C-alpha atoms as a PDB file:
ATOM      1  CA  MET A   1     -32.560 -46.356  14.766  1.00  0.00           C
ATOM      2  CA  LYS A   2     -30.349 -46.386  17.916  1.00  0.00           C
ATOM      3  CA  TRP A   3     -28.052 -43.532  18.328  1.00  0.00           C
ATOM      4  CA  ASN A   4     -24.785 -43.704  20.276  1.00  0.00           C
ATOM      5  CA  ILE A   5     -24.691 -40.533  22.247  1.00  0.00           C
ATOM      6  CA  ASP A   6     -22.096 -39.246  24.601  1.00  0.00           C
ATOM      7  CA  ARG A   7     -23.145 -36.521  27.247  1.00  0.00           C
ATOM      8  CA  TYR A   8     -21.067 -33.995  28.832  1.00  0.00           C
ATOM      9  CA  LYS A   9     -21.681 -31.171  31.423  1.00  0.00           C
ATOM     10  CA  ILE A  10     -19.728 -28.123  30.570  1.00  0.00           C
ATOM     11  CA  PRO A  11     -17.942 -26.388  33.594  1.00  0.00           C
ATOM     12  CA  THR A  12     -18.641 -22.719  33.716  1.00  0.00           C
ATOM     13  CA  SER A  13     -17.724 -19.720  36.063  1.00  0.00           C
ATOM     14  CA  GLU A  14     -19.546 -19.703  39.359  1.00  0.00           C
ATOM     15  CA  ASP A  15     -20.609 -16.151  38.992  1.00  0.00           C
ATOM     16  CA  ALA A  16     -22.050 -16.688  35.327  1.00  0.00           C
ATOM     17  CA  VAL A  17     -25.807 -16.331  34.930  1.00  0.00           C
ATOM     18  CA  LYS A  18     -28.154 -16.046  32.189  1.00  0.00           C
ATOM     19  CA  ILE A  19     -25.903 -18.013  29.940  1.00  0.00           C
ATOM     20  CA  GLU A  20     -26.873 -17.819  26.189  1.00  0.00           C
ATOM     21  CA  ASN A  21     -25.661 -17.267  22.595  1.00  0.00           C
ATOM     22  CA  ILE A  22     -23.445 -20.102  21.947  1.00  0.00           C
ATOM     23  CA  SER A  23     -21.448 -20.508  18.920  1.00  0.00           C
ATOM     24  CA  VAL A  24     -19.596 -23.912  18.140  1.00  0.00           C
ATOM     25  CA  ILE A  25     -16.631 -24.095  15.847  1.00  0.00           C
ATOM     26  CA  GLU A  26     -14.393 -26.917  14.941  1.00  0.00           C
ATOM     27  CA  HIS A  27     -10.721 -26.136  15.795  1.00  0.00           C
ATOM     28  CA  PRO A  28      -8.569 -26.250  12.632  1.00  0.00           C
ATOM     29  CA  HIS A  29      -5.930 -28.450  14.515  1.00  0.00           C
ATOM     30  CA  GLY A  30      -8.465 -30.583  16.270  1.00  0.00           C
ATOM     31  CA  GLY A  31     -11.044 -30.292  19.107  1.00  0.00           C
ATOM     32  CA  ILE A  32     -13.947 -27.755  19.424  1.00  0.00           C
ATOM     33  CA  ILE A  33     -14.167 -24.148  20.401  1.00  0.00           C
ATOM     34  CA  ALA A  34     -17.288 -22.863  21.998  1.00  0.00           C
ATOM     35  CA  VAL A  35     -17.930 -18.978  22.561  1.00  0.00           C
ATOM     36  CA  PHE A  36     -20.674 -18.106  24.825  1.00  0.00           C
ATOM     37  CA  SER A  37     -22.041 -15.046  26.540  1.00  0.00           C
ATOM     38  CA  TYR A  38     -23.324 -14.590  30.101  1.00  0.00           C
ATOM     39  CA  ILE A  39     -24.168 -12.018  32.734  1.00  0.00           C
ATOM     40  CA  SER A  40     -22.132 -11.991  35.931  1.00  0.00           C
ATOM     41  CA  ASN A  41     -24.109 -12.301  39.231  1.00  0.00           C
ATOM     42  CA  VAL A  42     -21.825  -9.650  40.734  1.00  0.00           C
ATOM     43  CA  LYS A  43     -24.267  -6.638  41.117  1.00  0.00           C
ATOM     44  CA  THR A  44     -23.466  -3.605  38.925  1.00  0.00           C
ATOM     45  CA  VAL A  45     -25.510  -0.502  38.110  1.00  0.00           C
ATOM     46  CA  LYS A  46     -25.945  -1.847  34.517  1.00  0.00           C
ATOM     47  CA  PRO A  47     -25.655  -5.536  33.457  1.00  0.00           C
ATOM     48  CA  ILE A  48     -22.231  -6.463  32.253  1.00  0.00           C
ATOM     49  CA  HIS A  49     -22.078  -9.043  29.410  1.00  0.00           C
ATOM     50  CA  TYR A  50     -18.942 -11.216  29.114  1.00  0.00           C
ATOM     51  CA  THR A  51     -18.113 -13.759  26.360  1.00  0.00           C
ATOM     52  CA  GLY A  52     -16.045 -16.771  27.435  1.00  0.00           C
ATOM     53  CA  THR A  53     -14.236 -19.239  25.253  1.00  0.00           C
ATOM     54  CA  LEU A  54     -13.902 -22.848  25.873  1.00  0.00           C
ATOM     55  CA  TYR A  55     -11.887 -25.737  24.249  1.00  0.00           C
ATOM     56  CA  PHE A  56     -12.989 -29.243  23.995  1.00  0.00           C
ATOM     57  CA  ASN A  57     -10.159 -31.723  23.818  1.00  0.00           C
ATOM     58  CA  GLU A  58     -11.522 -34.849  22.029  1.00  0.00           C
ATOM     59  CA  LYS A  59      -8.593 -36.991  23.205  1.00  0.00           C
ATOM     60  CA  ASN A  60      -9.588 -36.794  26.816  1.00  0.00           C
ATOM     61  CA  ASN A  61     -13.237 -35.444  26.444  1.00  0.00           C
ATOM     62  CA  THR A  62     -12.639 -32.414  28.701  1.00  0.00           C
ATOM     63  CA  TRP A  63     -13.591 -28.784  28.391  1.00  0.00           C
ATOM     64  CA  ASN A  64     -11.233 -26.062  29.545  1.00  0.00           C
ATOM     65  CA  PRO A  65     -11.359 -22.212  29.268  1.00  0.00           C
ATOM     66  CA  GLN A  66      -9.230 -20.336  26.730  1.00  0.00           C
ATOM     67  CA  GLY A  67      -7.962 -16.979  27.835  1.00  0.00           C
ATOM     68  CA  ASN A  68      -9.811 -14.505  29.963  1.00  0.00           C
ATOM     69  CA  PRO A  69     -13.500 -13.581  29.431  1.00  0.00           C
ATOM     70  CA  LEU A  70     -14.064 -10.542  27.189  1.00  0.00           C
ATOM     71  CA  GLU A  71     -16.026  -7.808  28.893  1.00  0.00           C
ATOM     72  CA  PHE A  72     -18.601  -5.687  27.376  1.00  0.00           C
ATOM     73  CA  HIS A  73     -19.592  -2.561  29.378  1.00  0.00           C
ATOM     74  CA  PRO A  74     -21.902  -0.937  29.201  1.00  0.00           C
ATOM     75  CA  SER A  75     -24.144  -3.501  27.764  1.00  0.00           C
ATOM     76  CA  SER A  76     -27.822  -4.114  27.443  1.00  0.00           C
ATOM     77  CA  GLU A  77     -30.326  -6.963  27.479  1.00  0.00           C
ATOM     78  CA  ASN A  78     -30.340  -7.202  23.564  1.00  0.00           C
ATOM     79  CA  PHE A  79     -26.760  -8.391  23.725  1.00  0.00           C
ATOM     80  CA  SER A  80     -26.292 -11.268  21.248  1.00  0.00           C
ATOM     81  CA  HIS A  81     -23.540 -12.597  19.163  1.00  0.00           C
ATOM     82  CA  THR A  82     -22.375 -15.148  16.275  1.00  0.00           C
ATOM     83  CA  THR A  83     -18.792 -16.233  16.133  1.00  0.00           C
ATOM     84  CA  PHE A  84     -17.212 -18.171  13.355  1.00  0.00           C
ATOM     85  CA  LEU A  85     -13.886 -18.756  11.331  1.00  0.00           C
ATOM     86  CA  ASN A  86     -13.759 -16.094   8.768  1.00  0.00           C
ATOM     87  CA  LEU A  87     -12.446 -16.348   5.302  1.00  0.00           C
ATOM     88  CA  MET A  88      -8.887 -15.568   6.584  1.00  0.00           C
ATOM     89  CA  GLY A  89      -8.990 -18.486   9.036  1.00  0.00           C
ATOM     90  CA  ASN A  90      -9.411 -16.239  12.070  1.00  0.00           C
ATOM     91  CA  LEU A  91     -12.001 -16.452  14.876  1.00  0.00           C
ATOM     92  CA  GLN A  92     -14.462 -13.465  14.355  1.00  0.00           C
ATOM     93  CA  MET A  93     -17.230 -12.422  16.595  1.00  0.00           C
ATOM     94  CA  MET A  94     -20.108 -10.273  15.341  1.00  0.00           C
ATOM     95  CA  TYR A  95     -22.451  -8.883  18.116  1.00  0.00           C
ATOM     96  CA  VAL A  96     -25.027  -6.304  19.143  1.00  0.00           C
ATOM     97  CA  SER A  97     -24.141  -4.606  22.217  1.00  0.00           C
ATOM     98  CA  ASP A  98     -25.845  -1.466  23.589  1.00  0.00           C
ATOM     99  CA  CYS A  99     -27.956  -1.298  20.323  1.00  0.00           C
ATOM    100  CA  ARG A 100     -24.641  -1.027  18.307  1.00  0.00           C
ATOM    101  CA  LEU A 101     -23.384  -3.679  15.837  1.00  0.00           C
ATOM    102  CA  LEU A 102     -19.620  -4.437  16.379  1.00  0.00           C
ATOM    103  CA  TYR A 103     -17.123  -7.037  15.699  1.00  0.00           C
ATOM    104  CA  ASN A 104     -13.897  -8.455  17.161  1.00  0.00           C
ATOM    105  CA  ILE A 105     -11.313 -10.877  15.869  1.00  0.00           C
ATOM    106  CA  SER A 106      -8.923 -13.336  17.556  1.00  0.00           C
ATOM    107  CA  TYR A 107      -5.929 -14.684  15.917  1.00  0.00           C
ATOM    108  CA  ASP A 108      -5.416 -17.534  18.366  1.00  0.00           C
ATOM    109  CA  TYR A 109      -8.799 -19.036  18.326  1.00  0.00           C
ATOM    110  CA  GLY A 110     -10.303 -17.142  21.232  1.00  0.00           C
ATOM    111  CA  LYS A 111      -7.460 -16.821  23.865  1.00  0.00           C
ATOM    112  CA  ASN A 112      -7.009 -13.059  22.877  1.00  0.00           C
ATOM    113  CA  TRP A 113      -9.149 -10.577  21.023  1.00  0.00           C
ATOM    114  CA  LYS A 114      -8.388  -7.463  19.293  1.00  0.00           C
ATOM    115  CA  GLU A 115      -9.820  -4.080  19.879  1.00  0.00           C
ATOM    116  CA  ILE A 116     -13.675  -3.711  19.263  1.00  0.00           C
ATOM    117  CA  GLU A 117     -14.608  -2.348  15.866  1.00  0.00           C
ATOM    118  CA  ILE A 118     -17.813  -0.640  15.128  1.00  0.00           C
ATOM    119  CA  LEU A 119     -19.782  -1.851  12.077  1.00  0.00           C
ATOM    120  CA  LEU A 120     -23.104   0.178  12.593  1.00  0.00           C
ATOM    121  CA  GLU A 121     -23.292   3.326  14.820  1.00  0.00           C
ATOM    122  CA  GLU A 122     -27.078   3.454  14.326  1.00  0.00           C
ATOM    123  CA  SER A 123     -29.397   1.774  16.853  1.00  0.00           C
ATOM    124  CA  VAL A 124     -30.292  -1.699  15.997  1.00  0.00           C
ATOM    125  CA  MET A 125     -32.394  -4.409  17.893  1.00  0.00           C
ATOM    126  CA  TRP A 126     -30.878  -7.393  16.182  1.00  0.00           C
ATOM    127  CA  LYS A 127     -30.494 -10.808  17.376  1.00  0.00           C
ATOM    128  CA  MET A 128     -27.730 -12.949  15.568  1.00  0.00           C
ATOM    129  CA  ASN A 129     -27.077 -16.502  17.043  1.00  0.00           C
ATOM    130  CA  ASN A 130     -26.591 -19.045  14.376  1.00  0.00           C
ATOM    131  CA  HIS A 131     -23.737 -19.936  11.909  1.00  0.00           C
ATOM    132  CA  PRO A 132     -23.200 -17.820   8.674  1.00  0.00           C
ATOM    133  CA  ILE A 133     -23.156 -19.490   5.285  1.00  0.00           C
ATOM    134  CA  PHE A 134     -19.909 -19.008   3.035  1.00  0.00           C
ATOM    135  CA  MET A 135     -21.056 -18.989  -0.623  1.00  0.00           C
ATOM    136  CA  LYS A 136     -19.355 -18.539  -4.153  1.00  0.00           C
ATOM    137  CA  HIS A 137     -16.806 -15.661  -4.757  1.00  0.00           C
ATOM    138  CA  GLY A 138     -16.362 -15.235  -0.930  1.00  0.00           C
ATOM    139  CA  ARG A 139     -19.881 -14.084  -0.080  1.00  0.00           C
ATOM    140  CA  VAL A 140     -20.717 -14.418   3.557  1.00  0.00           C
ATOM    141  CA  VAL A 141     -24.434 -14.580   4.644  1.00  0.00           C
ATOM    142  CA  ILE A 142     -25.281 -14.304   8.305  1.00  0.00           C
ATOM    143  CA  PRO A 143     -29.023 -14.939   9.658  1.00  0.00           C
ATOM    144  CA  VAL A 144     -30.278 -12.058  11.709  1.00  0.00           C
ATOM    145  CA  TYR A 145     -33.667 -11.398  13.587  1.00  0.00           C
ATOM    146  CA  ASP A 146     -34.842  -7.814  13.841  1.00  0.00           C
ATOM    147  CA  GLU A 147     -36.874  -7.531  17.074  1.00  0.00           C
ATOM    148  CA  GLY A 148     -38.011  -4.063  16.040  1.00  0.00           C
ATOM    149  CA  SER A 149     -39.872  -5.388  13.022  1.00  0.00           C
ATOM    150  CA  GLY A 150     -40.532  -8.908  14.126  1.00  0.00           C
ATOM    151  CA  ARG A 151     -38.784 -10.150  10.830  1.00  0.00           C
ATOM    152  CA  SER A 152     -35.625 -12.090   9.915  1.00  0.00           C
ATOM    153  CA  PHE A 153     -33.221 -11.153   7.268  1.00  0.00           C
ATOM    154  CA  ALA A 154     -29.696 -11.965   5.933  1.00  0.00           C
ATOM    155  CA  TYR A 155     -26.549  -9.643   6.490  1.00  0.00           C
ATOM    156  CA  ILE A 156     -24.355  -9.846   3.495  1.00  0.00           C
ATOM    157  CA  SER A 157     -20.449  -9.095   2.922  1.00  0.00           C
ATOM    158  CA  ASP A 158     -18.727  -9.713  -0.524  1.00  0.00           C
ATOM    159  CA  ASP A 159     -15.429  -8.389   0.731  1.00  0.00           C
ATOM    160  CA  THR A 160     -14.200 -10.650   3.532  1.00  0.00           C
ATOM    161  CA  GLY A 161     -16.439  -8.780   6.035  1.00  0.00           C
ATOM    162  CA  LYS A 162     -15.237  -5.226   5.427  1.00  0.00           C
ATOM    163  CA  ASN A 163     -18.553  -3.979   4.207  1.00  0.00           C
ATOM    164  CA  TRP A 164     -21.954  -5.404   4.803  1.00  0.00           C
ATOM    165  CA  PHE A 165     -25.484  -4.821   3.375  1.00  0.00           C
ATOM    166  CA  PRO A 166     -28.899  -6.386   4.426  1.00  0.00           C
ATOM    167  CA  SER A 167     -31.170  -8.486   2.379  1.00  0.00           C
ATOM    168  CA  VAL A 168     -34.835  -7.731   2.175  1.00  0.00           C
ATOM    169  CA  PHE A 169     -37.007  -8.897   5.012  1.00  0.00           C
ATOM    170  CA  ILE A 170     -38.597 -12.386   4.961  1.00  0.00           C
ATOM    171  CA  GLU A 171     -42.378 -11.840   5.031  1.00  0.00           C
ATOM    172  CA  PRO A 172     -45.209 -14.340   6.172  1.00  0.00           C
ATOM    173  CA  SER A 173     -47.362 -16.006   3.372  1.00  0.00           C
ATOM    174  CA  GLU A 174     -50.822 -14.672   3.360  1.00  0.00           C
ATOM    175  CA  ASP A 175     -52.326 -17.772   4.985  1.00  0.00           C
ATOM    176  CA  LEU A 176     -50.154 -17.116   8.086  1.00  0.00           C
ATOM    177  CA  THR A 177     -51.729 -13.648   8.480  1.00  0.00           C
ATOM    178  CA  GLU A 178     -55.222 -14.243   6.905  1.00  0.00           C
ATOM    179  CA  ASN A 179     -57.084 -13.605  10.323  1.00  0.00           C
ATOM    180  CA  SER A 180     -55.048 -10.671  11.301  1.00  0.00           C
ATOM    181  CA  ASP A 181     -55.120  -6.977  10.567  1.00  0.00           C
ATOM    182  CA  PRO A 182     -53.252  -6.504   7.418  1.00  0.00           C
ATOM    183  CA  GLU A 183     -51.370  -3.399   8.965  1.00  0.00           C
ATOM    184  CA  GLU A 184     -50.277  -5.455  11.930  1.00  0.00           C
ATOM    185  CA  ILE A 185     -46.768  -6.566  11.112  1.00  0.00           C
ATOM    186  CA  PHE A 186     -46.357  -8.246  14.443  1.00  0.00           C
ATOM    187  CA  ALA A 187     -49.144 -10.793  13.783  1.00  0.00           C
ATOM    188  CA  CYS A 188     -46.605 -13.266  12.859  1.00  0.00           C
ATOM    189  CA  ARG A 189     -43.213 -12.647  14.499  1.00  0.00           C
ATOM    190  CA  MET A 190     -40.451 -14.789  12.847  1.00  0.00           C
ATOM    191  CA  GLY A 191     -37.171 -15.321  14.814  1.00  0.00           C
ATOM    192  CA  SER A 192     -34.218 -17.618  15.273  1.00  0.00           C
ATOM    193  CA  PRO A 193     -33.396 -17.882  11.452  1.00  0.00           C
ATOM    194  CA  THR A 194     -30.976 -20.581  10.430  1.00  0.00           C
ATOM    195  CA  PHE A 195     -29.598 -21.075   6.871  1.00  0.00           C
ATOM    196  CA  ILE A 196     -28.575 -24.051   4.731  1.00  0.00           C
ATOM    197  CA  GLN A 197     -27.143 -23.761   1.221  1.00  0.00           C
ATOM    198  CA  ALA A 198     -29.124 -25.783  -1.153  1.00  0.00           C
ATOM    199  CA  GLY A 199     -27.378 -24.955  -4.494  1.00  0.00           C
ATOM    200  CA  GLU A 200     -24.951 -22.538  -5.932  1.00  0.00           C
ATOM    201  CA  ARG A 201     -27.381 -19.544  -5.674  1.00  0.00           C
ATOM    202  CA  LYS A 202     -29.989 -21.100  -3.249  1.00  0.00           C
ATOM    203  CA  LEU A 203     -30.247 -20.631   0.341  1.00  0.00           C
ATOM    204  CA  VAL A 204     -33.063 -22.246   2.563  1.00  0.00           C
ATOM    205  CA  CYS A 205     -33.909 -20.357   5.963  1.00  0.00           C
ATOM    206  CA  PHE A 206     -35.896 -22.212   8.709  1.00  0.00           C
ATOM    207  CA  ILE A 207     -37.528 -19.782  11.026  1.00  0.00           C
ATOM    208  CA  GLN A 208     -38.983 -20.182  14.640  1.00  0.00           C
ATOM    209  CA  PRO A 209     -42.372 -18.276  14.889  1.00  0.00           C
ATOM    210  CA  GLU A 210     -43.957 -17.075  18.065  1.00  0.00           C
ATOM    211  CA  ASN A 211     -47.468 -18.506  18.922  1.00  0.00           C
ATOM    212  CA  ARG A 212     -47.456 -21.001  16.177  1.00  0.00           C
ATOM    213  CA  ASP A 213     -47.163 -24.858  16.078  1.00  0.00           C
ATOM    214  CA  LYS A 214     -44.723 -25.426  13.233  1.00  0.00           C
ATOM    215  CA  LEU A 215     -41.468 -23.995  11.999  1.00  0.00           C
ATOM    216  CA  LEU A 216     -41.494 -21.805   8.938  1.00  0.00           C
ATOM    217  CA  CYS A 217     -39.363 -21.900   5.826  1.00  0.00           C
ATOM    218  CA  SER A 218     -38.380 -19.378   3.165  1.00  0.00           C
ATOM    219  CA  VAL A 219     -36.213 -19.720   0.118  1.00  0.00           C
ATOM    220  CA  SER A 220     -33.727 -17.388  -1.612  1.00  0.00           C
ATOM    221  CA  ASP A 221     -32.345 -18.182  -5.201  1.00  0.00           C
ATOM    222  CA  ASP A 222     -30.127 -15.099  -5.447  1.00  0.00           C
ATOM    223  CA  PHE A 223     -27.515 -15.756  -2.871  1.00  0.00           C
ATOM    224  CA  GLY A 224     -29.694 -14.442  -0.011  1.00  0.00           C
ATOM    225  CA  GLU A 225     -30.612 -11.058  -1.247  1.00  0.00           C
ATOM    226  CA  THR A 226     -34.491 -11.741  -1.684  1.00  0.00           C
ATOM    227  CA  TRP A 227     -36.563 -14.309  -0.049  1.00  0.00           C
ATOM    228  CA  SER A 228     -39.989 -15.930  -0.677  1.00  0.00           C
ATOM    229  CA  ASN A 229     -42.700 -15.594   1.706  1.00  0.00           C
ATOM    230  CA  ALA A 230     -42.377 -18.035   4.653  1.00  0.00           C
ATOM    231  CA  PHE A 231     -44.532 -21.076   4.681  1.00  0.00           C
ATOM    232  CA  GLU A 232     -45.206 -23.826   7.259  1.00  0.00           C
ATOM    233  CA  THR A 233     -43.111 -26.959   7.553  1.00  0.00           C
ATOM    234  CA  ASP A 234     -43.906 -30.230   9.284  1.00  0.00           C
ATOM    235  CA  ILE A 235     -41.444 -29.678  12.169  1.00  0.00           C
ATOM    236  CA  PRO A 236     -42.913 -28.399  15.545  1.00  0.00           C
ATOM    237  CA  SER A 237     -41.810 -24.856  16.343  1.00  0.00           C
ATOM    238  CA  GLY A 238     -40.440 -25.797  19.779  1.00  0.00           C
ATOM    239  CA  VAL A 239     -39.185 -23.240  22.395  1.00  0.00           C
ATOM    240  CA  GLY A 240     -35.678 -21.677  22.720  1.00  0.00           C
ATOM    241  CA  GLY A 241     -33.666 -21.554  19.635  1.00  0.00           C
ATOM    242  CA  ILE A 242     -33.070 -23.653  16.503  1.00  0.00           C
ATOM    243  CA  GLU A 243     -30.294 -24.519  14.271  1.00  0.00           C
ATOM    244  CA  SER A 244     -29.899 -26.417  11.028  1.00  0.00           C
ATOM    245  CA  ILE A 245     -26.725 -27.753   9.037  1.00  0.00           C
ATOM    246  CA  ARG A 246     -26.133 -29.546   5.826  1.00  0.00           C
ATOM    247  CA  LEU A 247     -24.016 -32.677   6.262  1.00  0.00           C
ATOM    248  CA  ARG A 248     -20.849 -33.639   4.558  1.00  0.00           C
ATOM    249  CA  ASP A 249     -19.744 -37.221   3.479  1.00  0.00           C
ATOM    250  CA  SER A 250     -16.316 -38.810   4.569  1.00  0.00           C
ATOM    251  CA  ASN A 251     -14.740 -36.939   1.446  1.00  0.00           C
ATOM    252  CA  GLY A 252     -15.839 -33.735   2.666  1.00  0.00           C
ATOM    253  CA  HIS A 253     -18.498 -33.192  -0.087  1.00  0.00           C
ATOM    254  CA  TYR A 254     -22.028 -31.856   0.893  1.00  0.00           C
ATOM    255  CA  THR A 255     -24.818 -34.446   0.743  1.00  0.00           C
ATOM    256  CA  PRO A 256     -28.577 -34.007   0.648  1.00  0.00           C
ATOM    257  CA  THR A 257     -28.882 -34.760   4.377  1.00  0.00           C
ATOM    258  CA  VAL A 258     -29.942 -31.794   6.623  1.00  0.00           C
ATOM    259  CA  VAL A 259     -30.409 -31.955  10.243  1.00  0.00           C
ATOM    260  CA  LEU A 260     -32.253 -29.481  12.390  1.00  0.00           C
ATOM    261  CA  VAL A 261     -32.249 -29.253  16.265  1.00  0.00           C
ATOM    262  CA  TYR A 262     -34.889 -27.805  18.454  1.00  0.00           C
ATOM    263  CA  ASN A 263     -36.453 -27.894  21.818  1.00  0.00           C
ATOM    264  CA  GLN A 264     -39.853 -29.531  22.442  1.00  0.00           C
ATOM    265  CA  GLU A 265     -42.101 -29.355  25.395  1.00  0.00           C
ATOM    266  CA  LYS A 266     -43.601 -32.756  26.738  1.00  0.00           C
ATOM    267  CA  THR A 267     -46.797 -33.272  28.372  1.00  0.00           C
ATOM    268  CA  ASN A 268     -45.064 -34.263  31.594  1.00  0.00           C
ATOM    269  CA  GLY A 269     -43.754 -30.654  31.924  1.00  0.00           C
ATOM    270  CA  GLN A 270     -40.187 -31.731  30.810  1.00  0.00           C
ATOM    271  CA  PHE A 271     -38.536 -30.708  27.638  1.00  0.00           C
ATOM    272  CA  SER A 272     -36.630 -32.653  24.980  1.00  0.00           C
ATOM    273  CA  VAL A 273     -33.756 -31.930  22.530  1.00  0.00           C
ATOM    274  CA  MET A 274     -35.224 -32.962  19.255  1.00  0.00           C
ATOM    275  CA  LEU A 275     -33.154 -33.849  15.863  1.00  0.00           C
ATOM    276  CA  ALA A 276     -35.133 -33.679  12.726  1.00  0.00           C
ATOM    277  CA  ILE A 277     -33.491 -35.288   9.632  1.00  0.00           C
ATOM    278  CA  SER A 278     -34.113 -34.595   5.982  1.00  0.00           C
ATOM    279  CA  SER A 279     -32.605 -36.570   3.019  1.00  0.00           C
ATOM    280  CA  ASP A 280     -33.663 -33.982   0.365  1.00  0.00           C
ATOM    281  CA  ILE A 281     -32.118 -30.695   1.528  1.00  0.00           C
ATOM    282  CA  GLY A 282     -34.914 -29.739   3.808  1.00  0.00           C
ATOM    283  CA  GLU A 283     -37.825 -30.285   1.355  1.00  0.00           C
ATOM    284  CA  SER A 284     -39.322 -33.050   3.533  1.00  0.00           C
ATOM    285  CA  TRP A 285     -38.320 -34.689   6.800  1.00  0.00           C
ATOM    286  CA  ASP A 286     -37.621 -38.507   7.268  1.00  0.00           C
ATOM    287  CA  GLU A 287     -37.171 -38.730  10.862  1.00  0.00           C
ATOM    288  CA  ILE A 288     -37.526 -37.010  14.166  1.00  0.00           C
ATOM    289  CA  ILE A 289     -35.523 -38.414  17.016  1.00  0.00           C
ATOM    290  CA  GLU A 290     -35.523 -37.475  20.757  1.00  0.00           C
ATOM    291  CA  LEU A 291     -31.886 -37.069  21.819  1.00  0.00           C
ATOM    292  CA  GLY A 292     -32.539 -36.399  25.380  1.00  0.00           C
ATOM    293  CA  GLU A 293     -34.971 -35.031  28.232  1.00  0.00           C
ATOM    294  CA  ILE A 294     -34.105 -31.945  30.154  1.00  0.00           C
ATOM    295  CA  GLU A 295     -35.959 -30.142  32.870  1.00  0.00           C
ATOM    296  CA  ILE A 296     -35.908 -26.687  31.613  1.00  0.00           C
ATOM    297  CA  PRO A 297     -35.843 -25.239  27.998  1.00  0.00           C
ATOM    298  CA  PHE A 298     -32.552 -24.392  26.566  1.00  0.00           C
ATOM    299  CA  THR A 299     -32.233 -20.666  25.592  1.00  0.00           C
ATOM    300  CA  ASP A 300     -29.811 -21.228  22.694  1.00  0.00           C
ATOM    301  CA  ILE A 301     -28.307 -24.084  20.705  1.00  0.00           C
ATOM    302  CA  SER A 302     -25.339 -24.669  18.328  1.00  0.00           C
ATOM    303  CA  VAL A 303     -24.663 -27.679  16.184  1.00  0.00           C
ATOM    304  CA  ILE A 304     -21.668 -28.689  13.895  1.00  0.00           C
ATOM    305  CA  GLN A 305     -20.377 -31.682  12.224  1.00  0.00           C
ATOM    306  CA  THR A 306     -16.794 -32.552  12.714  1.00  0.00           C
ATOM    307  CA  ASP A 307     -14.488 -34.188  10.291  1.00  0.00           C
ATOM    308  CA  ASP A 308     -14.926 -37.480  11.928  1.00  0.00           C
ATOM    309  CA  ASN A 309     -18.788 -37.388  11.027  1.00  0.00           C
ATOM    310  CA  LYS A 310     -19.797 -36.724  14.602  1.00  0.00           C
ATOM    311  CA  LEU A 311     -22.485 -34.289  15.349  1.00  0.00           C
ATOM    312  CA  HIS A 312     -21.693 -31.935  18.364  1.00  0.00           C
ATOM    313  CA  ILE A 313     -24.742 -30.244  19.857  1.00  0.00           C
ATOM    314  CA  ILE A 314     -24.259 -27.630  22.797  1.00  0.00           C
ATOM    315  CA  TYR A 315     -27.123 -25.971  24.317  1.00  0.00           C
ATOM    316  CA  CYS A 316     -27.434 -23.583  27.480  1.00  0.00           C
ATOM    317  CA  SER A 317     -30.298 -22.957  29.986  1.00  0.00           C
ATOM    318  CA  LYS A 318     -29.954 -20.302  32.513  1.00  0.00           C
ATOM    319  CA  GLN A 319     -26.767 -21.218  34.444  1.00  0.00           C
ATOM    320  CA  GLU A 320     -25.447 -24.409  32.567  1.00  0.00           C
ATOM    321  CA  MET A 321     -24.249 -25.693  29.409  1.00  0.00           C
ATOM    322  CA  ASN A 322     -24.483 -29.292  28.032  1.00  0.00           C
ATOM    323  CA  HIS A 323     -22.708 -31.129  25.299  1.00  0.00           C
ATOM    324  CA  LEU A 324     -24.254 -33.911  23.336  1.00  0.00           C
ATOM    325  CA  VAL A 325     -22.093 -35.948  20.636  1.00  0.00           C
ATOM    326  CA  VAL A 326     -23.911 -38.253  18.338  1.00  0.00           C
ATOM    327  CA  ASN A 327     -21.587 -40.810  17.177  1.00  0.00           C
ATOM    328  CA  ASP A 328     -21.567 -42.976  14.025  1.00  0.00           C
ATOM    329  CA  PHE A 329     -24.308 -40.745  12.574  1.00  0.00           C
ATOM    330  CA  VAL A 330     -25.692 -42.323   9.349  1.00  0.00           C
ATOM    331  CA  ILE A 331     -25.888 -39.765   6.319  1.00  0.00           C
ATOM    332  CA  PHE A 332     -28.986 -40.513   4.206  1.00  0.00           C
END
């Protein structure tokens, strides 16, 4: 199948290095918002993380900054965030900085941010990159990777984000650890979790393991609170991050089509942005398509489907960000 793909290089600040943790959101009034984090190349005693907000105007296909970058000081190497439109329609950022879990809210889609609020004072080693899932009765389910345990889990709220609780960890199936010491929990690290909703109560999680050739999958049948042991899929594990979404039809209804984006190393030393397509909510995969070749692997990726049925894929690698638009995408 021939895909019509537009490609854009996203302008960033000259002093931005180590660009990572991208969240892409469709603006309610048209266009796209991208929130990303980076470290400034201006030398300081401790690294200072910033988050910048960019807006993509689809009428003239240009990216422009919104407001001033938000500064996090002090910060640490385990900085990560996920940003989304919450149930009140406001832009909400949840992030880990200096081993604390915090959040911030913007009422003008990233131009200005409120004061920082602390969710957890206790030390955490979490990574949160991918989009949350909004389920029945206002439940919000965020995919999280815990670097301390090497496991992924869901962070859940039932009261529009005021209070949160964790799910159980997703554990590997026995065949993934059969040649390892049973007490060695790091024998199969499982990171970069991404969720899709497969039913009223059912969630499916795809996970990127370390030192394994295939992505893993786990299933929850109780709104994300408990999970099956993870098992291997047919999708290469790739490098960098992954993200999956379930697509909607022209009437806004969810279809059985799921897409998953990942980064694959090629034999020539280059890397490719890959798109895997499922027509049965991720149980099997019909096609794997190469969207483009890149010289270095991306460190994070975010994908959304806009109301005009276009797929927008934004990925970052070190000091640059790129934007792919898949036009006229055929929903299976």
